C-alpha atoms as a PDB file:
ATOM      1  CA  MET A   1      14.720  14.335 -22.082  1.00  0.00           C
ATOM      2  CA  ALA A   2      17.354  12.721 -19.938  1.00  0.00           C
ATOM      3  CA  THR A   3      19.667  10.086 -21.379  1.00  0.00           C
ATOM      4  CA  LEU A   4      19.088   6.787 -19.536  1.00  0.00           C
ATOM      5  CA  LEU A   5      22.028   4.882 -18.105  1.00  0.00           C
ATOM      6  CA  LEU A   6      21.447   1.400 -16.739  1.00  0.00           C
ATOM      7  CA  LEU A   7      23.598  -0.015 -13.981  1.00  0.00           C
ATOM      8  CA  THR A   8      24.308  -3.680 -14.546  1.00  0.00           C
ATOM      9  CA  GLN A   9      22.842  -5.219 -11.439  1.00  0.00           C
ATOM     10  CA  GLY A  10      20.580  -8.066 -10.323  1.00  0.00           C
ATOM     11  CA  GLY A  11      16.922  -7.682  -9.469  1.00  0.00           C
ATOM     12  CA  CYS A  12      13.686  -6.993 -11.264  1.00  0.00           C
ATOM     13  CA  GLY A  13      13.398  -4.406 -13.979  1.00  0.00           C
ATOM     14  CA  VAL A  14      12.927  -3.634 -17.638  1.00  0.00           C
ATOM     15  CA  PHE A  15      16.313  -3.754 -19.354  1.00  0.00           C
ATOM     16  CA  ARG A  16      16.652  -4.015 -23.128  1.00  0.00           C
ATOM     17  CA  ASP A  17      18.846  -2.994 -26.078  1.00  0.00           C
ATOM     18  CA  ILE A  18      21.771  -2.288 -23.810  1.00  0.00           C
ATOM     19  CA  VAL A  19      25.166  -1.373 -25.240  1.00  0.00           C
ATOM     20  CA  PRO A  20      28.351  -0.284 -23.443  1.00  0.00           C
ATOM     21  CA  ARG A  21      29.093   3.415 -23.154  1.00  0.00           C
ATOM     22  CA  GLU A  22      32.400   4.612 -24.524  1.00  0.00           C
ATOM     23  CA  THR A  23      32.791   7.468 -22.051  1.00  0.00           C
ATOM     24  CA  ASP A  24      34.540   8.168 -18.783  1.00  0.00           C
ATOM     25  CA  GLU A  25      31.437   7.111 -16.825  1.00  0.00           C
ATOM     26  CA  PRO A  26      32.112   4.661 -13.958  1.00  0.00           C
ATOM     27  CA  GLU A  27      32.390   0.997 -14.901  1.00  0.00           C
ATOM     28  CA  GLY A  28      29.130  -0.925 -14.983  1.00  0.00           C
ATOM     29  CA  HIS A  29      27.190   1.753 -16.864  1.00  0.00           C
ATOM     30  CA  ALA A  30      25.410   1.179 -20.115  1.00  0.00           C
ATOM     31  CA  ARG A  31      22.679   3.008 -21.968  1.00  0.00           C
ATOM     32  CA  ILE A  32      19.471   2.178 -23.741  1.00  0.00           C
ATOM     33  CA  GLN A  33      19.754   2.357 -27.491  1.00  0.00           C
ATOM     34  CA  ASP A  34      17.065   4.162 -29.476  1.00  0.00           C
ATOM     35  CA  ASN A  35      14.957   5.173 -26.493  1.00  0.00           C
ATOM     36  CA  GLY A  36      13.768   8.159 -28.525  1.00  0.00           C
ATOM     37  CA  GLU A  37      11.705  10.741 -26.676  1.00  0.00           C
ATOM     38  CA  LEU A  38      10.243   8.352 -24.130  1.00  0.00           C
ATOM     39  CA  ILE A  39       9.757   9.634 -20.579  1.00  0.00           C
ATOM     40  CA  ILE A  40      12.010   7.486 -18.389  1.00  0.00           C
ATOM     41  CA  VAL A  41      10.551   6.533 -15.020  1.00  0.00           C
ATOM     42  CA  GLY A  42      12.333   4.590 -12.273  1.00  0.00           C
ATOM     43  CA  PHE A  43       9.795   2.798 -10.067  1.00  0.00           C
ATOM     44  CA  SER A  44      10.672   1.115  -6.762  1.00  0.00           C
ATOM     45  CA  GLN A  45       7.834  -1.035  -5.389  1.00  0.00           C
ATOM     46  CA  ILE A  46       7.848  -2.332  -1.816  1.00  0.00           C
ATOM     47  CA  GLY A  47       7.431  -5.912  -2.907  1.00  0.00           C
ATOM     48  CA  SER A  48       4.711  -8.390  -3.821  1.00  0.00           C
ATOM     49  CA  GLU A  49       3.591  -9.312  -0.313  1.00  0.00           C
ATOM     50  CA  SER A  50      -0.132  -8.983  -0.972  1.00  0.00           C
ATOM     51  CA  ILE A  51      -2.808  -9.101  -3.643  1.00  0.00           C
ATOM     52  CA  TRP A  52      -3.217  -5.339  -3.189  1.00  0.00           C
ATOM     53  CA  ARG A  53       0.469  -4.685  -3.848  1.00  0.00           C
ATOM     54  CA  THR A  54       0.449  -6.805  -6.994  1.00  0.00           C
ATOM     55  CA  ALA A  55      -2.611  -4.883  -8.245  1.00  0.00           C
ATOM     56  CA  ASN A  56      -0.907  -1.585  -7.460  1.00  0.00           C
ATOM     57  CA  THR A  57       2.141  -2.582  -9.503  1.00  0.00           C
ATOM     58  CA  ALA A  58      -0.050  -3.724 -12.393  1.00  0.00           C
ATOM     59  CA  SER A  59      -1.837  -0.373 -12.356  1.00  0.00           C
ATOM     60  CA  VAL A  60       1.463   1.474 -12.787  1.00  0.00           C
ATOM     61  CA  GLU A  61       2.553  -0.879 -15.581  1.00  0.00           C
ATOM     62  CA  ARG A  62      -0.729  -0.325 -17.460  1.00  0.00           C
ATOM     63  CA  ALA A  63      -0.475   3.446 -17.160  1.00  0.00           C
ATOM     64  CA  LEU A  64       3.199   3.937 -18.064  1.00  0.00           C
ATOM     65  CA  THR A  65       3.556   2.018 -21.296  1.00  0.00           C
ATOM     66  CA  LYS A  66       5.748   2.661 -24.327  1.00  0.00           C
ATOM     67  CA  GLU A  67       2.597   3.300 -26.358  1.00  0.00           C
ATOM     68  CA  LYS A  68       1.794   6.150 -23.980  1.00  0.00           C
ATOM     69  CA  GLY A  69       5.306   7.562 -24.235  1.00  0.00           C
ATOM     70  CA  TYR A  70       7.055   5.986 -21.245  1.00  0.00           C
ATOM     71  CA  PHE A  71      10.027   3.759 -20.586  1.00  0.00           C
ATOM     72  CA  LEU A  72       9.435   2.157 -17.158  1.00  0.00           C
ATOM     73  CA  ILE A  73      12.198   0.595 -15.071  1.00  0.00           C
ATOM     74  CA  SER A  74      10.772  -1.414 -12.161  1.00  0.00           C
ATOM     75  CA  ASP A  75      12.437  -2.714  -9.034  1.00  0.00           C
ATOM     76  CA  ASN A  76      11.007  -5.066  -6.380  1.00  0.00           C
ATOM     77  CA  ALA A  77      12.483  -4.140  -2.982  1.00  0.00           C
ATOM     78  CA  ARG A  78      11.317  -7.385  -1.362  1.00  0.00           C
ATOM     79  CA  GLN A  79      10.255  -5.606   1.818  1.00  0.00           C
ATOM     80  CA  LYS A  80      13.704  -4.170   2.538  1.00  0.00           C
ATOM     81  CA  GLN A  81      14.342  -0.442   2.827  1.00  0.00           C
ATOM     82  CA  GLU A  82      18.007  -0.843   1.920  1.00  0.00           C
ATOM     83  CA  ASN A  83      16.927  -2.332  -1.418  1.00  0.00           C
ATOM     84  CA  GLN A  84      14.736   0.660  -2.128  1.00  0.00           C
ATOM     85  CA  ILE A  85      17.514   3.108  -1.295  1.00  0.00           C
ATOM     86  CA  LYS A  86      19.870   1.164  -3.572  1.00  0.00           C
ATOM     87  CA  ALA A  87      17.302   1.265  -6.391  1.00  0.00           C
ATOM     88  CA  ILE A  88      16.708   5.011  -6.017  1.00  0.00           C
ATOM     89  CA  ARG A  89      20.459   5.666  -6.123  1.00  0.00           C
ATOM     90  CA  SER A  90      20.662   3.502  -9.232  1.00  0.00           C
ATOM     91  CA  TYR A  91      17.917   5.581 -10.881  1.00  0.00           C
ATOM     92  CA  ILE A  92      19.779   8.776  -9.970  1.00  0.00           C
ATOM     93  CA  SER A  93      22.978   7.480 -11.590  1.00  0.00           C
ATOM     94  CA  GLN A  94      20.961   6.417 -14.640  1.00  0.00           C
ATOM     95  CA  ARG A  95      19.612   9.959 -14.972  1.00  0.00           C
ATOM     96  CA  VAL A  96      15.968   8.965 -15.239  1.00  0.00           C
ATOM     97  CA  ASP A  97      13.351  11.682 -15.731  1.00  0.00           C
ATOM     98  CA  TYR A  98      11.242  10.770 -12.688  1.00  0.00           C
ATOM     99  CA  ILE A  99      11.536   8.551  -9.631  1.00  0.00           C
ATOM    100  CA  VAL A 100       8.402   6.921  -8.186  1.00  0.00           C
ATOM    101  CA  PHE A 101       8.389   4.835  -5.042  1.00  0.00           C
ATOM    102  CA  SER A 102       6.207   3.536  -2.221  1.00  0.00           C
ATOM    103  CA  PRO A 103       8.213   3.992   1.008  1.00  0.00           C
ATOM    104  CA  ILE A 104       8.431   0.807   3.080  1.00  0.00           C
ATOM    105  CA  THR A 105       8.624   2.869   6.286  1.00  0.00           C
ATOM    106  CA  GLU A 106       8.172   6.596   6.887  1.00  0.00           C
ATOM    107  CA  ASP A 107      11.664   7.360   8.194  1.00  0.00           C
ATOM    108  CA  GLY A 108      15.157   7.113   6.734  1.00  0.00           C
ATOM    109  CA  TRP A 109      14.746   8.790   3.330  1.00  0.00           C
ATOM    110  CA  ASP A 110      16.280  12.254   3.782  1.00  0.00           C
ATOM    111  CA  THR A 111      19.750  11.557   2.387  1.00  0.00           C
ATOM    112  CA  VAL A 112      18.754   9.651  -0.739  1.00  0.00           C
ATOM    113  CA  LEU A 113      15.958  12.089  -1.616  1.00  0.00           C
ATOM    114  CA  GLU A 114      18.370  15.001  -1.175  1.00  0.00           C
ATOM    115  CA  GLU A 115      20.585  13.237  -3.708  1.00  0.00           C
ATOM    116  CA  ALA A 116      17.651  13.041  -6.125  1.00  0.00           C
ATOM    117  CA  ARG A 117      16.849  16.716  -5.611  1.00  0.00           C
ATOM    118  CA  ASP A 118      20.485  17.675  -6.202  1.00  0.00           C
ATOM    119  CA  ALA A 119      20.374  15.671  -9.441  1.00  0.00           C
ATOM    120  CA  GLY A 120      17.268  17.576 -10.536  1.00  0.00           C
ATOM    121  CA  ILE A 121      15.050  14.476 -10.659  1.00  0.00           C
ATOM    122  CA  PRO A 122      11.467  14.953  -9.399  1.00  0.00           C
ATOM    123  CA  VAL A 123      10.358  12.301  -6.901  1.00  0.00           C
ATOM    124  CA  ILE A 124       6.719  11.148  -6.673  1.00  0.00           C
ATOM    125  CA  LEU A 125       5.582   9.276  -3.579  1.00  0.00           C
ATOM    126  CA  MET A 126       2.926   6.645  -4.232  1.00  0.00           C
ATOM    127  CA  ASP A 127       0.638   4.966  -1.693  1.00  0.00           C
ATOM    128  CA  ARG A 128       2.746   5.558   1.429  1.00  0.00           C
ATOM    129  CA  MET A 129       4.288   8.618   3.067  1.00  0.00           C
ATOM    130  CA  ALA A 130       7.933   9.476   3.736  1.00  0.00           C
ATOM    131  CA  ASN A 131       8.726  11.589   6.800  1.00  0.00           C
ATOM    132  CA  VAL A 132      10.837  14.184   4.952  1.00  0.00           C
ATOM    133  CA  ASP A 133      10.688  17.879   4.133  1.00  0.00           C
ATOM    134  CA  GLU A 134       8.054  18.501   1.457  1.00  0.00           C
ATOM    135  CA  SER A 135      10.663  20.079  -0.805  1.00  0.00           C
ATOM    136  CA  LEU A 136      12.163  16.606  -1.370  1.00  0.00           C
ATOM    137  CA  TYR A 137       9.207  15.285  -3.363  1.00  0.00           C
ATOM    138  CA  ALA A 138       6.986  16.756  -6.066  1.00  0.00           C
ATOM    139  CA  THR A 139       3.687  15.227  -4.930  1.00  0.00           C
ATOM    140  CA  ARG A 140       2.110  12.233  -3.283  1.00  0.00           C
ATOM    141  CA  ILE A 141      -0.524   9.922  -4.778  1.00  0.00           C
ATOM    142  CA  CYS A 142      -2.316   7.995  -2.081  1.00  0.00           C
ATOM    143  CA  THR A 143      -5.455   6.953  -0.314  1.00  0.00           C
ATOM    144  CA  ASP A 144      -6.637   8.696   2.864  1.00  0.00           C
ATOM    145  CA  VAL A 145      -5.373   5.996   5.208  1.00  0.00           C
ATOM    146  CA  THR A 146      -6.236   7.833   8.422  1.00  0.00           C
ATOM    147  CA  LYS A 147      -9.795   8.227   7.144  1.00  0.00           C
ATOM    148  CA  GLU A 148      -9.866   4.501   6.360  1.00  0.00           C
ATOM    149  CA  GLY A 149      -9.171   3.788  10.038  1.00  0.00           C
ATOM    150  CA  GLU A 150     -11.865   6.229  11.056  1.00  0.00           C
ATOM    151  CA  LYS A 151     -14.367   4.640   8.667  1.00  0.00           C
ATOM    152  CA  ALA A 152     -13.721   1.250  10.242  1.00  0.00           C
ATOM    153  CA  ALA A 153     -14.402   2.585  13.732  1.00  0.00           C
ATOM    154  CA  ARG A 154     -17.525   4.461  12.617  1.00  0.00           C
ATOM    155  CA  TRP A 155     -18.834   1.280  10.989  1.00  0.00           C
ATOM    156  CA  LEU A 156     -18.267  -0.589  14.271  1.00  0.00           C
ATOM    157  CA  GLU A 157     -20.194   2.084  16.145  1.00  0.00           C
ATOM    158  CA  GLY A 158     -23.144   1.672  13.790  1.00  0.00           C
ATOM    159  CA  ASP A 159     -23.037  -2.116  13.883  1.00  0.00           C
ATOM    160  CA  LEU A 160     -22.978  -2.238  17.694  1.00  0.00           C
ATOM    161  CA  LYS A 161     -25.825   0.281  17.820  1.00  0.00           C
ATOM    162  CA  GLU A 162     -27.936  -1.894  15.517  1.00  0.00           C
ATOM    163  CA  LYS A 163     -27.276  -4.873  17.801  1.00  0.00           C
ATOM    164  CA  ASN A 164     -28.054  -2.860  20.958  1.00  0.00           C
ATOM    165  CA  ARG A 165     -24.467  -3.444  22.104  1.00  0.00           C
ATOM    166  CA  LEU A 166     -23.194   0.122  21.938  1.00  0.00           C
ATOM    167  CA  HIS A 167     -22.623   0.238  25.704  1.00  0.00           C
ATOM    168  CA  ASP A 168     -21.377  -3.340  26.135  1.00  0.00           C
ATOM    169  CA  ASP A 169     -17.733  -4.083  26.853  1.00  0.00           C
ATOM    170  CA  ILE A 170     -16.103  -4.816  23.487  1.00  0.00           C
ATOM    171  CA  ASN A 171     -12.762  -6.635  23.344  1.00  0.00           C
ATOM    172  CA  ILE A 172     -10.689  -5.814  20.256  1.00  0.00           C
ATOM    173  CA  VAL A 173      -7.418  -7.188  18.855  1.00  0.00           C
ATOM    174  CA  VAL A 174      -5.526  -5.516  16.010  1.00  0.00           C
ATOM    175  CA  LEU A 175      -3.456  -7.147  13.298  1.00  0.00           C
ATOM    176  CA  GLN A 176      -1.146  -4.297  12.296  1.00  0.00           C
ATOM    177  CA  GLY A 177       0.672  -3.968   9.011  1.00  0.00           C
ATOM    178  CA  THR A 178       4.417  -3.403   8.667  1.00  0.00           C
ATOM    179  CA  LEU A 179       5.374  -1.388  11.743  1.00  0.00           C
ATOM    180  CA  GLY A 180       6.501   2.145  10.923  1.00  0.00           C
ATOM    181  CA  SER A 181       4.796   2.206   7.528  1.00  0.00           C
ATOM    182  CA  SER A 182       2.388   5.077   6.944  1.00  0.00           C
ATOM    183  CA  SER A 183      -0.443   2.630   6.223  1.00  0.00           C
ATOM    184  CA  GLU A 184       0.056   0.982   9.618  1.00  0.00           C
ATOM    185  CA  LEU A 185       0.567   4.228  11.518  1.00  0.00           C
ATOM    186  CA  GLU A 186      -2.344   6.093   9.952  1.00  0.00           C
ATOM    187  CA  ARG A 187      -4.881   3.248  10.036  1.00  0.00           C
ATOM    188  CA  THR A 188      -4.027   2.657  13.669  1.00  0.00           C
ATOM    189  CA  ALA A 189      -4.322   6.359  14.503  1.00  0.00           C
ATOM    190  CA  GLY A 190      -7.592   6.749  12.618  1.00  0.00           C
ATOM    191  CA  PHE A 191      -9.268   3.780  14.286  1.00  0.00           C
ATOM    192  CA  GLU A 192      -7.981   4.548  17.755  1.00  0.00           C
ATOM    193  CA  SER A 193      -9.007   8.205  17.592  1.00  0.00           C
ATOM    194  CA  ILE A 194     -12.616   6.996  17.479  1.00  0.00           C
ATOM    195  CA  ALA A 195     -12.076   4.048  19.809  1.00  0.00           C
ATOM    196  CA  ALA A 196     -10.782   6.470  22.463  1.00  0.00           C
ATOM    197  CA  GLN A 197     -14.259   8.006  22.575  1.00  0.00           C
ATOM    198  CA  HIS A 198     -15.669   4.702  23.826  1.00  0.00           C
ATOM    199  CA  GLY A 199     -14.550   3.733  27.306  1.00  0.00           C
ATOM    200  CA  ASN A 200     -16.126   0.307  26.844  1.00  0.00           C
ATOM    201  CA  TRP A 201     -13.944  -0.553  23.800  1.00  0.00           C
ATOM    202  CA  HIS A 202     -10.904  -2.442  25.063  1.00  0.00           C
ATOM    203  CA  ILE A 203      -7.979  -2.926  22.665  1.00  0.00           C
ATOM    204  CA  LEU A 204      -6.469  -6.048  24.208  1.00  0.00           C
ATOM    205  CA  ASP A 205      -3.448  -6.308  21.933  1.00  0.00           C
ATOM    206  CA  ARG A 206      -1.799  -5.083  18.763  1.00  0.00           C
ATOM    207  CA  GLN A 207       0.791  -7.088  16.846  1.00  0.00           C
ATOM    208  CA  THR A 208       2.183  -6.872  13.345  1.00  0.00           C
ATOM    209  CA  GLY A 209       1.248  -9.452  10.760  1.00  0.00           C
ATOM    210  CA  ASP A 210       3.501  -7.775   8.174  1.00  0.00           C
ATOM    211  CA  PHE A 211       0.591  -7.620   5.701  1.00  0.00           C
ATOM    212  CA  THR A 212       0.975 -11.368   4.930  1.00  0.00           C
ATOM    213  CA  THR A 213      -1.461 -14.275   5.251  1.00  0.00           C
ATOM    214  CA  ALA A 214       0.998 -16.578   7.016  1.00  0.00           C
ATOM    215  CA  LYS A 215       1.991 -14.013   9.640  1.00  0.00           C
ATOM    216  CA  GLY A 216      -1.639 -12.945  10.099  1.00  0.00           C
ATOM    217  CA  LYS A 217      -2.596 -16.535  10.892  1.00  0.00           C
ATOM    218  CA  GLU A 218       0.338 -16.938  13.264  1.00  0.00           C
ATOM    219  CA  VAL A 219      -0.499 -13.783  15.230  1.00  0.00           C
ATOM    220  CA  MET A 220      -4.202 -14.615  15.348  1.00  0.00           C
ATOM    221  CA  GLU A 221      -3.378 -18.045  16.776  1.00  0.00           C
ATOM    222  CA  GLN A 222      -1.419 -16.289  19.541  1.00  0.00           C
ATOM    223  CA  PHE A 223      -4.320 -13.930  20.240  1.00  0.00           C
ATOM    224  CA  LEU A 224      -6.748 -16.832  20.561  1.00  0.00           C
ATOM    225  CA  LYS A 225      -4.479 -18.639  22.993  1.00  0.00           C
ATOM    226  CA  THR A 226      -3.951 -15.491  25.094  1.00  0.00           C
ATOM    227  CA  TYR A 227      -7.434 -13.986  25.189  1.00  0.00           C
ATOM    228  CA  ALA A 228     -10.558 -16.020  25.959  1.00  0.00           C
ATOM    229  CA  ASP A 229     -13.096 -13.417  24.822  1.00  0.00           C
ATOM    230  CA  ILE A 230     -12.349 -11.569  21.580  1.00  0.00           C
ATOM    231  CA  ASP A 231     -15.280  -9.679  20.068  1.00  0.00           C
ATOM    232  CA  VAL A 232     -13.615  -7.857  17.188  1.00  0.00           C
ATOM    233  CA  VAL A 233     -10.576  -8.380  14.955  1.00  0.00           C
ATOM    234  CA  VAL A 234      -9.296  -5.295  13.155  1.00  0.00           C
ATOM    235  CA  SER A 235      -7.007  -6.562  10.384  1.00  0.00           C
ATOM    236  CA  GLN A 236      -5.149  -3.864   8.473  1.00  0.00           C
ATOM    237  CA  ASN A 237      -5.188  -5.724   5.167  1.00  0.00           C
ATOM    238  CA  ASP A 238      -7.061  -8.560   3.489  1.00  0.00           C
ATOM    239  CA  ASP A 239      -4.122 -10.926   3.285  1.00  0.00           C
ATOM    240  CA  MET A 240      -3.749 -10.933   7.064  1.00  0.00           C
ATOM    241  CA  THR A 241      -7.521 -11.306   7.318  1.00  0.00           C
ATOM    242  CA  PHE A 242      -7.415 -14.535   5.302  1.00  0.00           C
ATOM    243  CA  GLY A 243      -4.904 -15.972   7.759  1.00  0.00           C
ATOM    244  CA  ALA A 244      -6.867 -14.712  10.771  1.00  0.00           C
ATOM    245  CA  ILE A 245     -10.116 -16.313   9.592  1.00  0.00           C
ATOM    246  CA  GLU A 246      -8.313 -19.599   8.999  1.00  0.00           C
ATOM    247  CA  ALA A 247      -6.923 -19.523  12.552  1.00  0.00           C
ATOM    248  CA  ILE A 248     -10.323 -18.646  14.055  1.00  0.00           C
ATOM    249  CA  GLU A 249     -12.117 -21.423  12.190  1.00  0.00           C
ATOM    250  CA  GLU A 250      -9.446 -23.964  13.147  1.00  0.00           C
ATOM    251  CA  ALA A 251     -10.100 -22.939  16.767  1.00  0.00           C
ATOM    252  CA  GLY A 252     -13.750 -23.920  16.318  1.00  0.00           C
ATOM    253  CA  LEU A 253     -15.128 -20.368  16.204  1.00  0.00           C
ATOM    254  CA  THR A 254     -17.050 -18.489  13.522  1.00  0.00           C
ATOM    255  CA  THR A 255     -16.572 -15.061  11.991  1.00  0.00           C
ATOM    256  CA  GLY A 256     -18.618 -12.368  10.329  1.00  0.00           C
ATOM    257  CA  VAL A 257     -22.352 -11.754  10.186  1.00  0.00           C
ATOM    258  CA  GLY A 258     -23.936 -13.664  13.075  1.00  0.00           C
ATOM    259  CA  GLY A 259     -20.569 -15.194  13.990  1.00  0.00           C
ATOM    260  CA  ASP A 260     -18.546 -15.301  17.199  1.00  0.00           C
ATOM    261  CA  ILE A 261     -16.039 -12.634  16.110  1.00  0.00           C
ATOM    262  CA  ILE A 262     -16.604  -9.463  14.065  1.00  0.00           C
ATOM    263  CA  ILE A 263     -14.047  -9.070  11.275  1.00  0.00           C
ATOM    264  CA  ILE A 264     -13.039  -5.610  10.064  1.00  0.00           C
ATOM    265  CA  SER A 265     -10.656  -5.715   7.111  1.00  0.00           C
ATOM    266  CA  PHE A 266      -8.946  -3.264   4.737  1.00  0.00           C
ATOM    267  CA  ASP A 267      -8.102  -3.229   0.984  1.00  0.00           C
ATOM    268  CA  ALA A 268     -11.236  -4.814  -0.568  1.00  0.00           C
ATOM    269  CA  VAL A 269      -9.566  -7.194  -3.008  1.00  0.00           C
ATOM    270  CA  ARG A 270     -11.876  -9.506  -4.937  1.00  0.00           C
ATOM    271  CA  ASP A 271     -11.284 -12.637  -2.821  1.00  0.00           C
ATOM    272  CA  ALA A 272     -12.033 -10.658   0.347  1.00  0.00           C
ATOM    273  CA  LEU A 273     -15.183  -9.160  -1.167  1.00  0.00           C
ATOM    274  CA  LYS A 274     -16.371 -12.701  -1.851  1.00  0.00           C
ATOM    275  CA  LEU A 275     -16.014 -13.350   1.896  1.00  0.00           C
ATOM    276  CA  VAL A 276     -17.942 -10.147   2.586  1.00  0.00           C
ATOM    277  CA  GLN A 277     -20.708 -11.442   0.329  1.00  0.00           C
ATOM    278  CA  ALA A 278     -20.620 -14.800   2.126  1.00  0.00           C
ATOM    279  CA  GLY A 279     -20.848 -13.028   5.482  1.00  0.00           C
ATOM    280  CA  LYS A 280     -17.442 -14.159   6.821  1.00  0.00           C
ATOM    281  CA  ILE A 281     -16.044 -10.606   6.790  1.00  0.00           C
ATOM    282  CA  ASN A 282     -18.369  -7.990   8.251  1.00  0.00           C
ATOM    283  CA  VAL A 283     -16.890  -4.946   6.553  1.00  0.00           C
ATOM    284  CA  ASP A 284     -14.008  -4.228   4.201  1.00  0.00           C
ATOM    285  CA  ILE A 285     -12.652  -0.680   3.935  1.00  0.00           C
ATOM    286  CA  GLU A 286     -11.376  -0.090   0.416  1.00  0.00           C
ATOM    287  CA  CYS A 287      -7.792   0.988  -0.165  1.00  0.00           C
ATOM    288  CA  ASN A 288      -7.772   1.627  -3.908  1.00  0.00           C
ATOM    289  CA  PRO A 289      -4.603   0.322  -5.637  1.00  0.00           C
ATOM    290  CA  GLU A 290      -5.565   1.785  -9.021  1.00  0.00           C
ATOM    291  CA  GLN A 291      -3.119   4.686  -8.805  1.00  0.00           C
ATOM    292  CA  GLY A 292      -1.394   4.393 -12.188  1.00  0.00           C
ATOM    293  CA  GLU A 293      -3.756   6.799 -13.967  1.00  0.00           C
ATOM    294  CA  TYR A 294      -3.093   9.428 -11.299  1.00  0.00           C
ATOM    295  CA  LEU A 295       0.642   8.878 -11.781  1.00  0.00           C
ATOM    296  CA  ASP A 296       0.333   9.400 -15.542  1.00  0.00           C
ATOM    297  CA  MET A 297      -1.688  12.587 -14.949  1.00  0.00           C
ATOM    298  CA  VAL A 298       0.918  13.973 -12.516  1.00  0.00           C
ATOM    299  CA  ILE A 299       3.853  13.254 -14.815  1.00  0.00           C
ATOM    300  CA  GLN A 300       2.084  14.880 -17.772  1.00  0.00           C
ATOM    301  CA  LYS A 301       1.480  17.973 -15.643  1.00  0.00           C
ATOM    302  CA  LEU A 302       5.153  18.100 -14.769  1.00  0.00           C
ATOM    303  CA  GLU A 303       6.073  17.669 -18.444  1.00  0.00           C
ATOM    304  CA  ARG A 304       3.915  20.690 -19.304  1.00  0.00           C
ATOM    305  CA  GLY A 305       5.291  22.734 -16.421  1.00  0.00           C
ATOM    306  CA  GLU A 306       1.899  22.957 -14.717  1.00  0.00           C
ATOM    307  CA  PRO A 307       1.556  23.361 -10.924  1.00  0.00           C
ATOM    308  CA  LEU A 308       0.741  20.325  -8.811  1.00  0.00           C
ATOM    309  CA  GLU A 309      -1.245  19.737  -5.670  1.00  0.00           C
ATOM    310  CA  LYS A 310       0.954  18.354  -2.913  1.00  0.00           C
ATOM    311  CA  VAL A 311      -1.379  15.375  -2.425  1.00  0.00           C
ATOM    312  CA  TYR A 312      -3.742  13.550  -4.787  1.00  0.00           C
ATOM    313  CA  MET A 313      -6.245  11.335  -2.957  1.00  0.00           C
ATOM    314  CA  VAL A 314      -7.695   8.256  -4.661  1.00  0.00           C
ATOM    315  CA  GLU A 315     -11.431   7.632  -4.196  1.00  0.00           C
ATOM    316  CA  GLU A 316     -12.556   4.569  -2.233  1.00  0.00           C
ATOM    317  CA  MET A 317     -15.585   2.864  -0.672  1.00  0.00           C
ATOM    318  CA  VAL A 318     -16.784   0.796   2.291  1.00  0.00           C
ATOM    319  CA  PHE A 319     -18.152  -2.676   1.500  1.00  0.00           C
ATOM    320  CA  THR A 320     -20.614  -4.744   3.532  1.00  0.00           C
ATOM    321  CA  GLN A 321     -22.943  -7.581   2.671  1.00  0.00           C
ATOM    322  CA  ARG A 322     -25.575  -4.966   1.798  1.00  0.00           C
ATOM    323  CA  ASN A 323     -23.725  -3.371  -1.121  1.00  0.00           C
ATOM    324  CA  VAL A 324     -20.917  -5.703  -2.201  1.00  0.00           C
ATOM    325  CA  SER A 325     -22.745  -7.750  -4.866  1.00  0.00           C
ATOM    326  CA  GLY A 326     -22.886  -4.843  -7.310  1.00  0.00           C
ATOM    327  CA  TYR A 327     -19.093  -4.502  -7.351  1.00  0.00           C
ATOM    328  CA  LEU A 328     -17.816  -8.074  -7.506  1.00  0.00           C
ATOM    329  CA  GLU A 329     -18.077  -8.501 -11.277  1.00  0.00           C
ATOM    330  CA  SER A 330     -16.074  -5.360 -12.018  1.00  0.00           C
ATOM    331  CA  ARG A 331     -13.318  -6.071  -9.454  1.00  0.00           C
ATOM    332  CA  THR A 332     -10.221  -7.096 -11.392  1.00  0.00           C
ATOM    333  CA  TYR A 333      -7.820  -7.781  -8.497  1.00  0.00           C
END
């Protein structure tokens, strides 16, 4: 097991029982005392911008506990790639056993992941993808984000067919997530691959809401001022959806089942599922944040020297008013 060194730095993390090293290591290093045979994991999370992200972090923290044989160091990158790169380099210098991170954007990771590879530290991608050679990471734990986009478009097809509107002109606006992130790129690609098959579906505009409620509301307000006839809002996460619905209602319009504007959302957090049940959101495509158990399973395989799949997909559902009631009580996030 690697000896853990902790850089003295600001930011979030689990730091305890730290004593100075009496070696020729660079200044600022310390080590954890009595860490025993715990598996040391450095985890860099994108931030806490959404309910989904908070649930994802909690899932990791529940899975990688001391009782289960782990010592987890966590870092909140606060939506900045440079903070994630700094955290990963810190984990490399600390000689952790594994590095886990959710890439803020797909590009810009080659150099730091090469440094991790050269240090012999396996890297596990969680949730999002990094556009790097596959040799630079051990595996990826994620949802099928492209399929999520496709599911949303297929649901819209079915809904329009039920309403005898399949051949009507349909005006669509898209609230995109963080531009350049795999979740934004793949959800957009998945939805638009189906939309392209319908010449009567018109995507009027796409703008990023950065996965936040405030930005989602701001962008939706702009859409409503610019376009007089919006039939469908595709919002790439629930937090942006909350802001969009607020903007629509303040404009004197209604959303959801029987409303003026169809709302398609992603993530399926509890508060959004309540709006599905109430009919304010037509459909919510689940993006399952419960990825900690998969992470534990992957690390244990690596510890035993067992082969890994390159990708582990997390199961997920599609929620509408017809099926949501049976899942609300068990939803913990």
